[in-house]
Amino acid sequence: MQILNAFNNDRQVLTVAQLSEILSLSRATVLRLCTTLLRYGYLRQDLGSKQYSLGLKLFELGSIVFHSFSLIDIASPYLSQLQMKLGKSIFLGILENEELLYIDKREDPRNPITFTSKMGTHRPPYWGMLGSVLMAYLPDSEIERLLERNPLTATTKKSITKKEKYKERLRQVREQGYAIDIDEVFEGISGVAAPVRDFTGKVIASIGVGFISSSVDSKGLKRIAKEVMATALTISKKIGYLEKREQAV
């Protein structure tokens, strides 16, 4: 960490000798640590001058932080609007470290029934409506890898536990542009979720609406799907996404 913090706008490239002097560490120690940081992409080295600079791994991590925090700020008012419009619980989630992470939530304070998933809660990547959306837009090889590391587990009678059936679910999500979960994670609880995209078109988050299954009929389900997709699209556009085509419900 000291090595990474030695770099700044005025010191964008440094040699082992310079790092040794700045950090008051031996050259052998600095070289050993730099070799490790280089291997994992946190540093890069010019083969000619042998100077080190910060690596692309830090850019990648910084991009994740930027998307997470800017996403929360941008999405916040639209999540509140969606909650007020539908009167249901609203969730915002991302994939982080191969898990579903809830980063925002809106609930009606007058509703005596609350959902257990709170901001900061981690779930398996395939979990519920949010997980299905986030998984659906990953490369097939990544989907396979995540399912190998996180085997599908049943929590209700309607939970999908067969890998091929789940992959078919993901294909349906991609085709229709949203996911529907009916009693698959919790008995009597359903949800609808849609993807949030960044300026490159990549899916970076999922917005979901959770509700008591018996409180919504087929017409209401269509309305919820339409509203959650519209909200996800609005947030995507605020981030910089250029819409290519409309999804019909």
C-alpha atoms as a PDB file:
ATOM      1  CA  MET A   1       0.000   0.000   0.000  1.00  0.00           C
ATOM      2  CA  GLN A   2       2.870   2.363   0.734  1.00  0.00           C
ATOM      3  CA  ILE A   3       4.291   1.679  -2.707  1.00  0.00           C
ATOM      4  CA  LEU A   4       0.976   2.468  -4.414  1.00  0.00           C
ATOM      5  CA  ASN A   5       0.565   5.618  -2.331  1.00  0.00           C
ATOM      6  CA  ALA A   6       4.037   6.801  -3.360  1.00  0.00           C
ATOM      7  CA  PHE A   7       2.660   7.636  -6.801  1.00  0.00           C
ATOM      8  CA  ASN A   8       0.827  10.909  -7.414  1.00  0.00           C
ATOM      9  CA  ASN A   9       0.339  13.454 -10.200  1.00  0.00           C
ATOM     10  CA  ASP A  10       3.866  14.760  -9.716  1.00  0.00           C
ATOM     11  CA  ARG A  11       5.410  11.285  -9.434  1.00  0.00           C
ATOM     12  CA  GLN A  12       3.717   9.186 -12.104  1.00  0.00           C
ATOM     13  CA  VAL A  13       6.789   7.021 -12.799  1.00  0.00           C
ATOM     14  CA  LEU A  14       9.339   5.841 -10.240  1.00  0.00           C
ATOM     15  CA  THR A  15      12.366   3.555 -10.175  1.00  0.00           C
ATOM     16  CA  VAL A  16      13.178   1.018  -7.471  1.00  0.00           C
ATOM     17  CA  ALA A  17      15.839   3.410  -6.155  1.00  0.00           C
ATOM     18  CA  GLN A  18      13.366   6.289  -5.930  1.00  0.00           C
ATOM     19  CA  LEU A  19      10.766   4.142  -4.200  1.00  0.00           C
ATOM     20  CA  SER A  20      13.402   2.874  -1.795  1.00  0.00           C
ATOM     21  CA  GLU A  21      14.332   6.449  -0.874  1.00  0.00           C
ATOM     22  CA  ILE A  22      10.729   7.672  -0.577  1.00  0.00           C
ATOM     23  CA  LEU A  23       9.623   4.761   1.592  1.00  0.00           C
ATOM     24  CA  SER A  24      12.858   4.242   3.549  1.00  0.00           C
ATOM     25  CA  LEU A  25      12.875   0.586   2.565  1.00  0.00           C
ATOM     26  CA  SER A  26      15.695  -1.506   1.168  1.00  0.00           C
ATOM     27  CA  ARG A  27      15.906  -1.855  -2.612  1.00  0.00           C
ATOM     28  CA  ALA A  28      15.589  -5.627  -2.279  1.00  0.00           C
ATOM     29  CA  THR A  29      12.323  -5.273  -0.362  1.00  0.00           C
ATOM     30  CA  VAL A  30      10.925  -2.727  -2.814  1.00  0.00           C
ATOM     31  CA  LEU A  31      11.896  -4.890  -5.792  1.00  0.00           C
ATOM     32  CA  ARG A  32      10.238  -7.960  -4.248  1.00  0.00           C
ATOM     33  CA  LEU A  33       7.005  -6.100  -3.512  1.00  0.00           C
ATOM     34  CA  CYS A  34       6.966  -4.398  -6.904  1.00  0.00           C
ATOM     35  CA  THR A  35       7.369  -7.765  -8.588  1.00  0.00           C
ATOM     36  CA  THR A  36       4.242  -9.012  -6.831  1.00  0.00           C
ATOM     37  CA  LEU A  37       2.269  -5.836  -7.651  1.00  0.00           C
ATOM     38  CA  LEU A  38       3.425  -6.128 -11.253  1.00  0.00           C
ATOM     39  CA  ARG A  39       2.271  -9.733 -11.467  1.00  0.00           C
ATOM     40  CA  TYR A  40      -1.261  -8.804 -10.357  1.00  0.00           C
ATOM     41  CA  GLY A  41      -1.549  -5.726 -12.536  1.00  0.00           C
ATOM     42  CA  TYR A  42      -1.340  -3.076  -9.821  1.00  0.00           C
ATOM     43  CA  LEU A  43       1.915  -1.802 -11.318  1.00  0.00           C
ATOM     44  CA  ARG A  44       3.350  -1.803 -14.816  1.00  0.00           C
ATOM     45  CA  GLN A  45       6.961  -1.399 -15.872  1.00  0.00           C
ATOM     46  CA  ASP A  46       8.653   0.190 -18.842  1.00  0.00           C
ATOM     47  CA  LEU A  47      11.089  -2.434 -20.085  1.00  0.00           C
ATOM     48  CA  GLY A  48      13.528   0.187 -21.337  1.00  0.00           C
ATOM     49  CA  SER A  49      13.783   2.562 -18.398  1.00  0.00           C
ATOM     50  CA  LYS A  50      12.748  -0.037 -15.774  1.00  0.00           C
ATOM     51  CA  GLN A  51      10.498   2.623 -14.234  1.00  0.00           C
ATOM     52  CA  TYR A  52       7.248   1.634 -12.571  1.00  0.00           C
ATOM     53  CA  SER A  53       3.851   3.288 -12.909  1.00  0.00           C
ATOM     54  CA  LEU A  54       0.383   2.447 -11.616  1.00  0.00           C
ATOM     55  CA  GLY A  55      -1.261  -0.483 -13.415  1.00  0.00           C
ATOM     56  CA  LEU A  56      -4.583  -0.947 -15.144  1.00  0.00           C
ATOM     57  CA  LYS A  57      -5.918  -3.069 -12.276  1.00  0.00           C
ATOM     58  CA  LEU A  58      -6.276   0.120 -10.249  1.00  0.00           C
ATOM     59  CA  PHE A  59      -8.166   1.733 -13.125  1.00  0.00           C
ATOM     60  CA  GLU A  60     -10.494  -1.272 -13.177  1.00  0.00           C
ATOM     61  CA  LEU A  61     -11.129  -1.075  -9.429  1.00  0.00           C
ATOM     62  CA  GLY A  62     -11.577   2.684  -9.612  1.00  0.00           C
ATOM     63  CA  SER A  63     -14.140   2.203 -12.345  1.00  0.00           C
ATOM     64  CA  ILE A  64     -16.097  -0.162 -10.100  1.00  0.00           C
ATOM     65  CA  VAL A  65     -16.069   2.376  -7.270  1.00  0.00           C
ATOM     66  CA  PHE A  66     -17.063   5.181  -9.648  1.00  0.00           C
ATOM     67  CA  HIS A  67     -19.991   3.223 -11.060  1.00  0.00           C
ATOM     68  CA  SER A  68     -21.168   2.129  -7.611  1.00  0.00           C
ATOM     69  CA  PHE A  69     -21.160   5.559  -6.019  1.00  0.00           C
ATOM     70  CA  SER A  70     -22.266   7.597  -9.000  1.00  0.00           C
ATOM     71  CA  LEU A  71     -24.944   4.989  -9.702  1.00  0.00           C
ATOM     72  CA  ILE A  72     -26.376   5.335  -6.206  1.00  0.00           C
ATOM     73  CA  ASP A  73     -26.465   9.125  -6.456  1.00  0.00           C
ATOM     74  CA  ILE A  74     -28.047   9.133  -9.911  1.00  0.00           C
ATOM     75  CA  ALA A  75     -30.530   6.351  -9.199  1.00  0.00           C
ATOM     76  CA  SER A  76     -31.699   7.582  -5.799  1.00  0.00           C
ATOM     77  CA  PRO A  77     -34.503   9.998  -6.834  1.00  0.00           C
ATOM     78  CA  TYR A  78     -35.813   7.608  -9.487  1.00  0.00           C
ATOM     79  CA  LEU A  79     -35.961   4.740  -7.011  1.00  0.00           C
ATOM     80  CA  SER A  80     -37.986   6.946  -4.690  1.00  0.00           C
ATOM     81  CA  GLN A  81     -40.319   7.921  -7.527  1.00  0.00           C
ATOM     82  CA  LEU A  82     -40.812   4.278  -8.480  1.00  0.00           C
ATOM     83  CA  GLN A  83     -41.575   3.339  -4.878  1.00  0.00           C
ATOM     84  CA  MET A  84     -44.158   6.110  -4.562  1.00  0.00           C
ATOM     85  CA  LYS A  85     -45.742   5.223  -7.896  1.00  0.00           C
ATOM     86  CA  LEU A  86     -46.052   1.477  -7.213  1.00  0.00           C
ATOM     87  CA  GLY A  87     -46.213   1.397  -3.420  1.00  0.00           C
ATOM     88  CA  LYS A  88     -43.872  -1.609  -3.426  1.00  0.00           C
ATOM     89  CA  SER A  89     -40.362  -2.339  -2.149  1.00  0.00           C
ATOM     90  CA  ILE A  90     -37.601  -1.243  -4.537  1.00  0.00           C
ATOM     91  CA  PHE A  91     -34.083  -2.677  -4.709  1.00  0.00           C
ATOM     92  CA  LEU A  92     -30.868  -1.771  -6.524  1.00  0.00           C
ATOM     93  CA  GLY A  93     -28.158  -4.397  -6.820  1.00  0.00           C
ATOM     94  CA  ILE A  94     -24.817  -5.053  -8.487  1.00  0.00           C
ATOM     95  CA  LEU A  95     -22.460  -8.006  -8.874  1.00  0.00           C
ATOM     96  CA  GLU A  96     -19.360  -7.575  -6.748  1.00  0.00           C
ATOM     97  CA  ASN A  97     -16.764 -10.224  -5.918  1.00  0.00           C
ATOM     98  CA  GLU A  98     -18.974 -12.853  -7.566  1.00  0.00           C
ATOM     99  CA  GLU A  99     -21.928 -12.041  -5.303  1.00  0.00           C
ATOM    100  CA  LEU A 100     -25.131 -10.059  -5.575  1.00  0.00           C
ATOM    101  CA  LEU A 101     -24.756  -6.921  -3.456  1.00  0.00           C
ATOM    102  CA  TYR A 102     -27.734  -4.741  -2.515  1.00  0.00           C
ATOM    103  CA  ILE A 103     -26.612  -1.101  -2.711  1.00  0.00           C
ATOM    104  CA  ASP A 104     -29.948   0.697  -2.238  1.00  0.00           C
ATOM    105  CA  LYS A 105     -33.486  -0.028  -1.076  1.00  0.00           C
ATOM    106  CA  ARG A 106     -36.800   1.816  -0.805  1.00  0.00           C
ATOM    107  CA  GLU A 107     -39.778   0.661   1.247  1.00  0.00           C
ATOM    108  CA  ASP A 108     -43.107   2.179   2.243  1.00  0.00           C
ATOM    109  CA  PRO A 109     -42.707   3.009   5.966  1.00  0.00           C
ATOM    110  CA  ARG A 110     -46.442   2.411   6.411  1.00  0.00           C
ATOM    111  CA  ASN A 111     -46.153  -1.179   5.209  1.00  0.00           C
ATOM    112  CA  PRO A 112     -45.888  -3.587   8.198  1.00  0.00           C
ATOM    113  CA  ILE A 113     -44.209  -6.206   5.983  1.00  0.00           C
ATOM    114  CA  THR A 114     -40.517  -5.594   5.231  1.00  0.00           C
ATOM    115  CA  PHE A 115     -37.999  -7.535   3.170  1.00  0.00           C
ATOM    116  CA  THR A 116     -34.953  -9.078   4.818  1.00  0.00           C
ATOM    117  CA  SER A 117     -32.537  -7.912   2.130  1.00  0.00           C
ATOM    118  CA  LYS A 118     -31.019  -4.616   3.239  1.00  0.00           C
ATOM    119  CA  MET A 119     -28.357  -2.324   1.801  1.00  0.00           C
ATOM    120  CA  GLY A 120     -25.031  -4.131   2.055  1.00  0.00           C
ATOM    121  CA  THR A 121     -26.616  -7.593   2.036  1.00  0.00           C
ATOM    122  CA  HIS A 122     -24.733 -10.212  -0.017  1.00  0.00           C
ATOM    123  CA  ARG A 123     -26.466 -13.069  -1.813  1.00  0.00           C
ATOM    124  CA  PRO A 124     -25.388 -15.745  -4.328  1.00  0.00           C
ATOM    125  CA  PRO A 125     -25.030 -14.226  -7.822  1.00  0.00           C
ATOM    126  CA  TYR A 126     -28.098 -16.073  -9.154  1.00  0.00           C
ATOM    127  CA  TRP A 127     -30.356 -14.924  -6.277  1.00  0.00           C
ATOM    128  CA  GLY A 128     -33.891 -13.876  -7.214  1.00  0.00           C
ATOM    129  CA  MET A 129     -34.927 -11.252  -9.738  1.00  0.00           C
ATOM    130  CA  LEU A 130     -31.835  -9.053  -9.379  1.00  0.00           C
ATOM    131  CA  GLY A 131     -29.414 -11.951  -9.744  1.00  0.00           C
ATOM    132  CA  SER A 132     -31.209 -13.294 -12.811  1.00  0.00           C
ATOM    133  CA  VAL A 133     -30.896  -9.934 -14.560  1.00  0.00           C
ATOM    134  CA  LEU A 134     -27.229  -9.455 -13.652  1.00  0.00           C
ATOM    135  CA  MET A 135     -26.338 -13.027 -14.652  1.00  0.00           C
ATOM    136  CA  ALA A 136     -28.323 -12.900 -17.901  1.00  0.00           C
ATOM    137  CA  TYR A 137     -26.020 -10.399 -19.560  1.00  0.00           C
ATOM    138  CA  LEU A 138     -22.730 -12.099 -18.688  1.00  0.00           C
ATOM    139  CA  PRO A 139     -20.758 -14.166 -21.224  1.00  0.00           C
ATOM    140  CA  ASP A 140     -21.772 -17.835 -21.300  1.00  0.00           C
ATOM    141  CA  SER A 141     -18.387 -18.881 -19.934  1.00  0.00           C
ATOM    142  CA  GLU A 142     -18.789 -16.530 -16.946  1.00  0.00           C
ATOM    143  CA  ILE A 143     -22.307 -17.806 -16.264  1.00  0.00           C
ATOM    144  CA  GLU A 144     -20.996 -21.365 -16.280  1.00  0.00           C
ATOM    145  CA  ARG A 145     -18.107 -20.471 -13.958  1.00  0.00           C
ATOM    146  CA  LEU A 146     -20.335 -18.680 -11.451  1.00  0.00           C
ATOM    147  CA  LEU A 147     -22.825 -21.540 -11.372  1.00  0.00           C
ATOM    148  CA  GLU A 148     -19.989 -24.023 -10.811  1.00  0.00           C
ATOM    149  CA  ARG A 149     -18.730 -21.960  -7.876  1.00  0.00           C
ATOM    150  CA  ASN A 150     -22.242 -21.223  -6.589  1.00  0.00           C
ATOM    151  CA  PRO A 151     -24.485 -24.261  -7.182  1.00  0.00           C
ATOM    152  CA  LEU A 152     -28.190 -23.478  -7.466  1.00  0.00           C
ATOM    153  CA  THR A 153     -29.891 -24.117  -4.128  1.00  0.00           C
ATOM    154  CA  ALA A 154     -33.621 -24.472  -3.485  1.00  0.00           C
ATOM    155  CA  THR A 155     -35.290 -22.191  -0.927  1.00  0.00           C
ATOM    156  CA  THR A 156     -38.888 -22.879  -2.033  1.00  0.00           C
ATOM    157  CA  LYS A 157     -40.723 -25.533  -4.045  1.00  0.00           C
ATOM    158  CA  LYS A 158     -40.532 -23.272  -7.095  1.00  0.00           C
ATOM    159  CA  SER A 159     -36.781 -22.620  -6.932  1.00  0.00           C
ATOM    160  CA  ILE A 160     -34.852 -23.517 -10.085  1.00  0.00           C
ATOM    161  CA  THR A 161     -32.106 -26.011  -9.251  1.00  0.00           C
ATOM    162  CA  LYS A 162     -31.296 -27.409 -12.698  1.00  0.00           C
ATOM    163  CA  LYS A 163     -28.469 -25.545 -14.400  1.00  0.00           C
ATOM    164  CA  GLU A 164     -29.858 -25.877 -17.933  1.00  0.00           C
ATOM    165  CA  LYS A 165     -33.297 -24.699 -16.845  1.00  0.00           C
ATOM    166  CA  TYR A 166     -31.707 -21.681 -15.172  1.00  0.00           C
ATOM    167  CA  LYS A 167     -29.720 -20.895 -18.307  1.00  0.00           C
ATOM    168  CA  GLU A 168     -32.975 -21.012 -20.272  1.00  0.00           C
ATOM    169  CA  ARG A 169     -34.392 -18.516 -17.767  1.00  0.00           C
ATOM    170  CA  LEU A 170     -31.447 -16.220 -18.458  1.00  0.00           C
ATOM    171  CA  ARG A 171     -32.054 -16.451 -22.206  1.00  0.00           C
ATOM    172  CA  GLN A 172     -35.665 -15.411 -21.621  1.00  0.00           C
ATOM    173  CA  VAL A 173     -34.522 -12.454 -19.532  1.00  0.00           C
ATOM    174  CA  ARG A 174     -32.268 -11.262 -22.349  1.00  0.00           C
ATOM    175  CA  GLU A 175     -35.055 -11.628 -24.901  1.00  0.00           C
ATOM    176  CA  GLN A 176     -37.744  -9.786 -22.952  1.00  0.00           C
ATOM    177  CA  GLY A 177     -35.490  -7.311 -21.144  1.00  0.00           C
ATOM    178  CA  TYR A 178     -36.657  -8.078 -17.608  1.00  0.00           C
ATOM    179  CA  ALA A 179     -36.899 -10.905 -15.070  1.00  0.00           C
ATOM    180  CA  ILE A 180     -39.910 -12.172 -13.136  1.00  0.00           C
ATOM    181  CA  ASP A 181     -39.531 -14.197  -9.941  1.00  0.00           C
ATOM    182  CA  ILE A 182     -42.723 -15.842  -8.641  1.00  0.00           C
ATOM    183  CA  ASP A 183     -42.250 -17.515  -5.224  1.00  0.00           C
ATOM    184  CA  GLU A 184     -38.804 -18.806  -6.245  1.00  0.00           C
ATOM    185  CA  VAL A 185     -36.795 -17.345  -3.386  1.00  0.00           C
ATOM    186  CA  PHE A 186     -39.390 -16.812  -0.665  1.00  0.00           C
ATOM    187  CA  GLU A 187     -42.831 -18.383  -0.389  1.00  0.00           C
ATOM    188  CA  GLY A 188     -45.512 -15.836  -1.266  1.00  0.00           C
ATOM    189  CA  ILE A 189     -43.024 -13.224  -2.482  1.00  0.00           C
ATOM    190  CA  SER A 190     -42.567 -12.178  -6.119  1.00  0.00           C
ATOM    191  CA  GLY A 191     -40.520  -9.612  -7.965  1.00  0.00           C
ATOM    192  CA  VAL A 192     -39.708  -7.977 -11.282  1.00  0.00           C
ATOM    193  CA  ALA A 193     -36.290  -6.588 -12.220  1.00  0.00           C
ATOM    194  CA  ALA A 194     -34.680  -4.842 -15.193  1.00  0.00           C
ATOM    195  CA  PRO A 195     -31.083  -3.985 -16.172  1.00  0.00           C
ATOM    196  CA  VAL A 196     -29.261  -0.672 -15.790  1.00  0.00           C
ATOM    197  CA  ARG A 197     -26.604  -0.039 -18.449  1.00  0.00           C
ATOM    198  CA  ASP A 198     -23.629   2.310 -18.593  1.00  0.00           C
ATOM    199  CA  PHE A 199     -22.499   4.433 -21.518  1.00  0.00           C
ATOM    200  CA  THR A 200     -20.910   1.399 -23.210  1.00  0.00           C
ATOM    201  CA  GLY A 201     -24.164  -0.569 -23.057  1.00  0.00           C
ATOM    202  CA  LYS A 202     -22.803  -2.920 -20.397  1.00  0.00           C
ATOM    203  CA  VAL A 203     -25.242  -4.000 -17.681  1.00  0.00           C
ATOM    204  CA  ILE A 204     -23.831  -2.676 -14.411  1.00  0.00           C
ATOM    205  CA  ALA A 205     -26.816  -2.993 -12.065  1.00  0.00           C
ATOM    206  CA  SER A 206     -30.353  -4.255 -11.686  1.00  0.00           C
ATOM    207  CA  ILE A 207     -33.464  -2.536 -10.341  1.00  0.00           C
ATOM    208  CA  GLY A 208     -36.098  -4.753  -8.795  1.00  0.00           C
ATOM    209  CA  VAL A 209     -39.602  -4.416  -7.346  1.00  0.00           C
ATOM    210  CA  GLY A 210     -40.622  -6.872  -4.639  1.00  0.00           C
ATOM    211  CA  PHE A 211     -44.185  -7.562  -3.500  1.00  0.00           C
ATOM    212  CA  ILE A 212     -46.583 -10.071  -1.959  1.00  0.00           C
ATOM    213  CA  SER A 213     -47.508 -12.482  -4.749  1.00  0.00           C
ATOM    214  CA  SER A 214     -51.235 -12.462  -3.981  1.00  0.00           C
ATOM    215  CA  SER A 215     -51.373  -8.648  -4.127  1.00  0.00           C
ATOM    216  CA  VAL A 216     -50.687  -8.445  -7.879  1.00  0.00           C
ATOM    217  CA  ASP A 217     -52.663  -9.983 -10.742  1.00  0.00           C
ATOM    218  CA  SER A 218     -51.419 -10.492 -14.325  1.00  0.00           C
ATOM    219  CA  LYS A 219     -52.431  -6.973 -15.335  1.00  0.00           C
ATOM    220  CA  GLY A 220     -50.639  -5.522 -12.330  1.00  0.00           C
ATOM    221  CA  LEU A 221     -47.563  -7.607 -13.122  1.00  0.00           C
ATOM    222  CA  LYS A 222     -47.406  -6.095 -16.604  1.00  0.00           C
ATOM    223  CA  ARG A 223     -47.699  -2.609 -15.176  1.00  0.00           C
ATOM    224  CA  ILE A 224     -44.880  -3.244 -12.706  1.00  0.00           C
ATOM    225  CA  ALA A 225     -42.667  -4.652 -15.471  1.00  0.00           C
ATOM    226  CA  LYS A 226     -43.349  -1.614 -17.632  1.00  0.00           C
ATOM    227  CA  GLU A 227     -42.584   0.827 -14.812  1.00  0.00           C
ATOM    228  CA  VAL A 228     -39.403  -0.896 -13.636  1.00  0.00           C
ATOM    229  CA  MET A 229     -38.081  -1.084 -17.211  1.00  0.00           C
ATOM    230  CA  ALA A 230     -38.841   2.595 -17.760  1.00  0.00           C
ATOM    231  CA  THR A 231     -37.053   3.537 -14.537  1.00  0.00           C
ATOM    232  CA  ALA A 232     -34.032   1.374 -15.383  1.00  0.00           C
ATOM    233  CA  LEU A 233     -33.861   2.956 -18.835  1.00  0.00           C
ATOM    234  CA  THR A 234     -34.096   6.483 -17.411  1.00  0.00           C
ATOM    235  CA  ILE A 235     -31.229   5.831 -14.991  1.00  0.00           C
ATOM    236  CA  SER A 236     -29.204   4.219 -17.794  1.00  0.00           C
ATOM    237  CA  LYS A 237     -29.648   7.305 -19.955  1.00  0.00           C
ATOM    238  CA  LYS A 238     -28.580   9.537 -17.061  1.00  0.00           C
ATOM    239  CA  ILE A 239     -25.380   7.520 -16.846  1.00  0.00           C
ATOM    240  CA  GLY A 240     -24.792   7.972 -20.575  1.00  0.00           C
ATOM    241  CA  TYR A 241     -26.439   4.974 -22.215  1.00  0.00           C
ATOM    242  CA  LEU A 242     -27.730   5.592 -25.722  1.00  0.00           C
ATOM    243  CA  GLU A 243     -30.852   3.534 -26.265  1.00  0.00           C
ATOM    244  CA  LYS A 244     -30.861   1.425 -29.408  1.00  0.00           C
ATOM    245  CA  ARG A 245     -34.351   0.033 -29.303  1.00  0.00           C
ATOM    246  CA  GLU A 246     -37.385  -0.162 -27.060  1.00  0.00           C
ATOM    247  CA  GLN A 247     -38.348  -3.344 -25.278  1.00  0.00           C
ATOM    248  CA  ALA A 248     -42.070  -4.135 -25.365  1.00  0.00           C
ATOM    249  CA  VAL A 249     -43.956  -5.618 -22.428  1.00  0.00           C
END
